Amino acid sequence: MIKHPLQINSILYSSWGYDQTNINFYQVIELVGNATVVLRELAQEMAPLQKRKAVQKSNF
């Protein structure tokens, strides 16, 4: 099994959708063994339309 490169407080994101793009942010809060992590979803807020990107909201 390959060890993951993540550390506590690493930030991950997932981008998904078809007609619209949805982005979710996650924070690593616990390392479990060499191949598993525990995540928590982070709150987010939309940037103004001119920027056309989601930004992570500082809530941790």
PDB file of N, CA and C in Angstrom:
ATOM      1  N   MET A   1       0.844  -1.179   0.000  1.00  0.00           N
ATOM      2  CA  MET A   1       0.000   0.000   0.000  1.00  0.00           C
ATOM      3  C   MET A   1       0.892   1.247   0.000  1.00  0.00           C
ATOM      4  N   ILE A   2       0.529   2.227  -0.790  1.00  0.00           N
ATOM      5  CA  ILE A   2       1.316   3.452  -0.910  1.00  0.00           C
ATOM      6  C   ILE A   2       0.879   4.457   0.155  1.00  0.00           C
ATOM      7  N   LYS A   3       1.845   5.064   0.829  1.00  0.00           N
ATOM      8  CA  LYS A   3       1.548   6.081   1.849  1.00  0.00           C
ATOM      9  C   LYS A   3       1.134   7.384   1.161  1.00  0.00           C
ATOM     10  N   HIS A   4       0.092   7.996   1.647  1.00  0.00           N
ATOM     11  CA  HIS A   4      -0.383   9.266   1.083  1.00  0.00           C
ATOM     12  C   HIS A   4       0.546  10.405   1.513  1.00  0.00           C
ATOM     13  N   PRO A   5       0.609  11.497   0.744  1.00  0.00           N
ATOM     14  CA  PRO A   5       1.475  12.638   1.074  1.00  0.00           C
ATOM     15  C   PRO A   5       0.782  13.696   1.942  1.00  0.00           C
ATOM     16  N   LEU A   6      -0.428  13.446   2.407  1.00  0.00           N
ATOM     17  CA  LEU A   6      -1.196  14.459   3.132  1.00  0.00           C
ATOM     18  C   LEU A   6      -0.731  14.608   4.568  1.00  0.00           C
ATOM     19  N   GLN A   7      -0.977  15.803   5.116  1.00  0.00           N
ATOM     20  CA  GLN A   7      -0.655  16.110   6.507  1.00  0.00           C
ATOM     21  C   GLN A   7      -1.886  16.739   7.149  1.00  0.00           C
ATOM     22  N   ILE A   8      -1.902  16.791   8.480  1.00  0.00           N
ATOM     23  CA  ILE A   8      -2.978  17.487   9.187  1.00  0.00           C
ATOM     24  C   ILE A   8      -3.028  18.927   8.666  1.00  0.00           C
ATOM     25  N   ASN A   9      -4.209  19.447   8.429  1.00  0.00           N
ATOM     26  CA  ASN A   9      -4.495  20.788   7.911  1.00  0.00           C
ATOM     27  C   ASN A   9      -4.288  20.934   6.409  1.00  0.00           C
ATOM     28  N   SER A  10      -3.938  19.866   5.686  1.00  0.00           N
ATOM     29  CA  SER A  10      -3.905  19.944   4.227  1.00  0.00           C
ATOM     30  C   SER A  10      -5.309  20.290   3.735  1.00  0.00           C
ATOM     31  N   ILE A  11      -5.396  21.081   2.673  1.00  0.00           N
ATOM     32  CA  ILE A  11      -6.683  21.467   2.093  1.00  0.00           C
ATOM     33  C   ILE A  11      -6.831  20.760   0.746  1.00  0.00           C
ATOM     34  N   LEU A  12      -7.969  20.108   0.561  1.00  0.00           N
ATOM     35  CA  LEU A  12      -8.284  19.417  -0.690  1.00  0.00           C
ATOM     36  C   LEU A  12      -9.533  20.057  -1.285  1.00  0.00           C
ATOM     37  N   TYR A  13      -9.722  19.879  -2.589  1.00  0.00           N
ATOM     38  CA  TYR A  13     -10.962  20.363  -3.192  1.00  0.00           C
ATOM     39  C   TYR A  13     -11.467  19.362  -4.209  1.00  0.00           C
ATOM     40  N   SER A  14     -12.752  19.423  -4.448  1.00  0.00           N
ATOM     41  CA  SER A  14     -13.404  18.587  -5.436  1.00  0.00           C
ATOM     42  C   SER A  14     -14.229  19.496  -6.332  1.00  0.00           C
ATOM     43  N   SER A  15     -14.074  19.332  -7.633  1.00  0.00           N
ATOM     44  CA  SER A  15     -14.820  20.122  -8.607  1.00  0.00           C
ATOM     45  C   SER A  15     -15.717  19.167  -9.392  1.00  0.00           C
ATOM     46  N   TRP A  16     -17.010  19.478  -9.467  1.00  0.00           N
ATOM     47  CA  TRP A  16     -17.935  18.583 -10.142  1.00  0.00           C
ATOM     48  C   TRP A  16     -19.108  19.377 -10.708  1.00  0.00           C
ATOM     49  N   GLY A  17     -19.836  18.761 -11.596  1.00  0.00           N
ATOM     50  CA  GLY A  17     -21.021  19.391 -12.171  1.00  0.00           C
ATOM     51  C   GLY A  17     -21.005  19.327 -13.686  1.00  0.00           C
ATOM     52  N   TYR A  18     -22.142  19.606 -14.298  1.00  0.00           N
ATOM     53  CA  TYR A  18     -22.257  19.570 -15.750  1.00  0.00           C
ATOM     54  C   TYR A  18     -22.636  20.950 -16.275  1.00  0.00           C
ATOM     55  N   ASP A  19     -23.833  21.413 -15.999  1.00  0.00           N
ATOM     56  CA  ASP A  19     -24.257  22.736 -16.463  1.00  0.00           C
ATOM     57  C   ASP A  19     -23.696  23.859 -15.603  1.00  0.00           C
ATOM     58  N   GLN A  20     -23.239  23.520 -14.428  1.00  0.00           N
ATOM     59  CA  GLN A  20     -22.610  24.493 -13.534  1.00  0.00           C
ATOM     60  C   GLN A  20     -21.451  23.783 -12.855  1.00  0.00           C
ATOM     61  N   THR A  21     -20.492  24.529 -12.397  1.00  0.00           N
ATOM     62  CA  THR A  21     -19.359  23.929 -11.695  1.00  0.00           C
ATOM     63  C   THR A  21     -19.538  24.134 -10.201  1.00  0.00           C
ATOM     64  N   ASN A  22     -19.465  23.058  -9.463  1.00  0.00           N
ATOM     65  CA  ASN A  22     -19.566  23.089  -8.008  1.00  0.00           C
ATOM     66  C   ASN A  22     -18.200  22.728  -7.443  1.00  0.00           C
ATOM     67  N   ILE A  23     -17.770  23.441  -6.432  1.00  0.00           N
ATOM     68  CA  ILE A  23     -16.472  23.179  -5.817  1.00  0.00           C
ATOM     69  C   ILE A  23     -16.674  23.029  -4.319  1.00  0.00           C
ATOM     70  N   ASN A  24     -16.127  21.949  -3.773  1.00  0.00           N
ATOM     71  CA  ASN A  24     -16.169  21.704  -2.334  1.00  0.00           C
ATOM     72  C   ASN A  24     -14.743  21.681  -1.813  1.00  0.00           C
ATOM     73  N   PHE A  25     -14.539  22.239  -0.613  1.00  0.00           N
ATOM     74  CA  PHE A  25     -13.228  22.251   0.026  1.00  0.00           C
ATOM     75  C   PHE A  25     -13.266  21.373   1.269  1.00  0.00           C
ATOM     76  N   TYR A  26     -12.161  20.686   1.525  1.00  0.00           N
ATOM     77  CA  TYR A  26     -12.051  19.796   2.677  1.00  0.00           C
ATOM     78  C   TYR A  26     -10.714  20.013   3.369  1.00  0.00           C
ATOM     79  N   GLN A  27     -10.701  19.821   4.675  1.00  0.00           N
ATOM     80  CA  GLN A  27      -9.481  19.939   5.482  1.00  0.00           C
ATOM     81  C   GLN A  27      -9.194  18.581   6.110  1.00  0.00           C
ATOM     82  N   VAL A  28      -7.928  18.150   6.060  1.00  0.00           N
ATOM     83  CA  VAL A  28      -7.519  16.914   6.724  1.00  0.00           C
ATOM     84  C   VAL A  28      -7.442  17.204   8.221  1.00  0.00           C
ATOM     85  N   ILE A  29      -8.207  16.452   9.024  1.00  0.00           N
ATOM     86  CA  ILE A  29      -8.207  16.688  10.471  1.00  0.00           C
ATOM     87  C   ILE A  29      -7.595  15.532  11.252  1.00  0.00           C
ATOM     88  N   GLU A  30      -7.406  14.385  10.586  1.00  0.00           N
ATOM     89  CA  GLU A  30      -6.832  13.238  11.297  1.00  0.00           C
ATOM     90  C   GLU A  30      -6.193  12.287  10.296  1.00  0.00           C
ATOM     91  N   LEU A  31      -5.047  11.733  10.653  1.00  0.00           N
ATOM     92  CA  LEU A  31      -4.393  10.700   9.859  1.00  0.00           C
ATOM     93  C   LEU A  31      -4.678   9.364  10.528  1.00  0.00           C
ATOM     94  N   VAL A  32      -5.154   8.397   9.750  1.00  0.00           N
ATOM     95  CA  VAL A  32      -5.480   7.071  10.279  1.00  0.00           C
ATOM     96  C   VAL A  32      -4.612   6.061   9.541  1.00  0.00           C
ATOM     97  N   GLY A  33      -3.566   5.589  10.187  1.00  0.00           N
ATOM     98  CA  GLY A  33      -2.659   4.664   9.518  1.00  0.00           C
ATOM     99  C   GLY A  33      -1.896   5.354   8.401  1.00  0.00           C
ATOM    100  N   ASN A  34      -1.449   4.559   7.432  1.00  0.00           N
ATOM    101  CA  ASN A  34      -0.644   5.097   6.330  1.00  0.00           C
ATOM    102  C   ASN A  34      -1.454   5.431   5.082  1.00  0.00           C
ATOM    103  N   ALA A  35      -2.719   5.018   5.029  1.00  0.00           N
ATOM    104  CA  ALA A  35      -3.459   5.173   3.781  1.00  0.00           C
ATOM    105  C   ALA A  35      -4.827   5.829   3.930  1.00  0.00           C
ATOM    106  N   THR A  36      -5.176   6.305   5.113  1.00  0.00           N
ATOM    107  CA  THR A  36      -6.510   6.864   5.329  1.00  0.00           C
ATOM    108  C   THR A  36      -6.415   8.188   6.074  1.00  0.00           C
ATOM    109  N   VAL A  37      -7.289   9.122   5.708  1.00  0.00           N
ATOM    110  CA  VAL A  37      -7.380  10.394   6.426  1.00  0.00           C
ATOM    111  C   VAL A  37      -8.842  10.659   6.758  1.00  0.00           C
ATOM    112  N   VAL A  38      -9.074  11.500   7.763  1.00  0.00           N
ATOM    113  CA  VAL A  38     -10.418  11.959   8.105  1.00  0.00           C
ATOM    114  C   VAL A  38     -10.509  13.410   7.652  1.00  0.00           C
ATOM    115  N   LEU A  39     -11.582  13.733   6.921  1.00  0.00           N
ATOM    116  CA  LEU A  39     -11.775  15.075   6.372  1.00  0.00           C
ATOM    117  C   LEU A  39     -12.960  15.756   7.026  1.00  0.00           C
ATOM    118  N   ARG A  40     -12.932  17.098   6.990  1.00  0.00           N
ATOM    119  CA  ARG A  40     -14.127  17.869   7.324  1.00  0.00           C
ATOM    120  C   ARG A  40     -14.353  18.837   6.180  1.00  0.00           C
ATOM    121  N   GLU A  41     -15.609  19.023   5.817  1.00  0.00           N
ATOM    122  CA  GLU A  41     -15.936  19.953   4.741  1.00  0.00           C
ATOM    123  C   GLU A  41     -15.840  21.375   5.268  1.00  0.00           C
ATOM    124  N   LEU A  42     -15.263  22.264   4.471  1.00  0.00           N
ATOM    125  CA  LEU A  42     -15.113  23.668   4.846  1.00  0.00           C
ATOM    126  C   LEU A  42     -16.225  24.499   4.220  1.00  0.00           C
ATOM    127  N   ALA A  43     -16.612  25.550   4.920  1.00  0.00           N
ATOM    128  CA  ALA A  43     -17.583  26.496   4.366  1.00  0.00           C
ATOM    129  C   ALA A  43     -16.908  27.263   3.233  1.00  0.00           C
ATOM    130  N   GLN A  44     -17.697  27.815   2.352  1.00  0.00           N
ATOM    131  CA  GLN A  44     -17.137  28.586   1.244  1.00  0.00           C
ATOM    132  C   GLN A  44     -18.079  29.719   0.899  1.00  0.00           C
ATOM    133  N   GLU A  45     -17.556  30.686   0.183  1.00  0.00           N
ATOM    134  CA  GLU A  45     -18.386  31.787  -0.300  1.00  0.00           C
ATOM    135  C   GLU A  45     -17.984  32.069  -1.736  1.00  0.00           C
ATOM    136  N   MET A  46     -18.922  32.549  -2.521  1.00  0.00           N
ATOM    137  CA  MET A  46     -18.646  32.815  -3.926  1.00  0.00           C
ATOM    138  C   MET A  46     -17.947  34.157  -4.090  1.00  0.00           C
ATOM    139  N   ALA A  47     -16.964  34.177  -4.958  1.00  0.00           N
ATOM    140  CA  ALA A  47     -16.285  35.417  -5.312  1.00  0.00           C
ATOM    141  C   ALA A  47     -17.198  36.191  -6.274  1.00  0.00           C
ATOM    142  N   PRO A  48     -16.958  37.488  -6.435  1.00  0.00           N
ATOM    143  CA  PRO A  48     -17.747  38.247  -7.419  1.00  0.00           C
ATOM    144  C   PRO A  48     -17.665  37.589  -8.797  1.00  0.00           C
ATOM    145  N   LEU A  49     -18.705  37.748  -9.605  1.00  0.00           N
ATOM    146  CA  LEU A  49     -18.776  37.078 -10.903  1.00  0.00           C
ATOM    147  C   LEU A  49     -17.597  37.394 -11.816  1.00  0.00           C
ATOM    148  N   GLN A  50     -16.990  38.565 -11.677  1.00  0.00           N
ATOM    149  CA  GLN A  50     -15.864  38.909 -12.532  1.00  0.00           C
ATOM    150  C   GLN A  50     -14.695  37.932 -12.331  1.00  0.00           C
ATOM    151  N   LYS A  51     -14.525  37.439 -11.114  1.00  0.00           N
ATOM    152  CA  LYS A  51     -13.407  36.540 -10.819  1.00  0.00           C
ATOM    153  C   LYS A  51     -13.688  35.118 -11.289  1.00  0.00           C
ATOM    154  N   ARG A  52     -14.955  34.731 -11.349  1.00  0.00           N
ATOM    155  CA  ARG A  52     -15.375  33.416 -11.835  1.00  0.00           C
ATOM    156  C   ARG A  52     -14.676  32.249 -11.148  1.00  0.00           C
ATOM    157  N   LYS A  53     -14.515  32.321  -9.851  1.00  0.00           N
ATOM    158  CA  LYS A  53     -13.948  31.187  -9.125  1.00  0.00           C
ATOM    159  C   LYS A  53     -14.466  31.191  -7.695  1.00  0.00           C
ATOM    160  N   ALA A  54     -14.511  30.028  -7.097  1.00  0.00           N
ATOM    161  CA  ALA A  54     -14.909  29.920  -5.690  1.00  0.00           C
ATOM    162  C   ALA A  54     -13.682  30.149  -4.828  1.00  0.00           C
ATOM    163  N   VAL A  55     -13.876  30.725  -3.673  1.00  0.00           N
ATOM    164  CA  VAL A  55     -12.764  30.945  -2.754  1.00  0.00           C
ATOM    165  C   VAL A  55     -13.068  30.258  -1.433  1.00  0.00           C
ATOM    166  N   GLN A  56     -12.033  29.740  -0.828  1.00  0.00           N
ATOM    167  CA  GLN A  56     -12.184  29.084   0.465  1.00  0.00           C
ATOM    168  C   GLN A  56     -12.477  30.126   1.527  1.00  0.00           C
ATOM    169  N   LYS A  57     -13.438  29.866   2.377  1.00  0.00           N
ATOM    170  CA  LYS A  57     -13.771  30.768   3.471  1.00  0.00           C
ATOM    171  C   LYS A  57     -12.957  30.353   4.689  1.00  0.00           C
ATOM    172  N   SER A  58     -12.274  31.284   5.316  1.00  0.00           N
ATOM    173  CA  SER A  58     -11.449  30.975   6.485  1.00  0.00           C
ATOM    174  C   SER A  58     -12.353  30.697   7.680  1.00  0.00           C
ATOM    175  N   ASN A  59     -12.543  29.426   7.983  1.00  0.00           N
ATOM    176  CA  ASN A  59     -13.400  29.071   9.110  1.00  0.00           C
ATOM    177  C   ASN A  59     -12.766  27.992   9.979  1.00  0.00           C
ATOM    178  N   PHE A  60     -11.461  27.916   9.968  1.00  0.00           N
ATOM    179  CA  PHE A  60     -10.788  26.938  10.825  1.00  0.00           C
ATOM    180  C   PHE A  60      -9.596  27.558  11.490  1.00  0.00           C
TER     181      PHE A  60
END
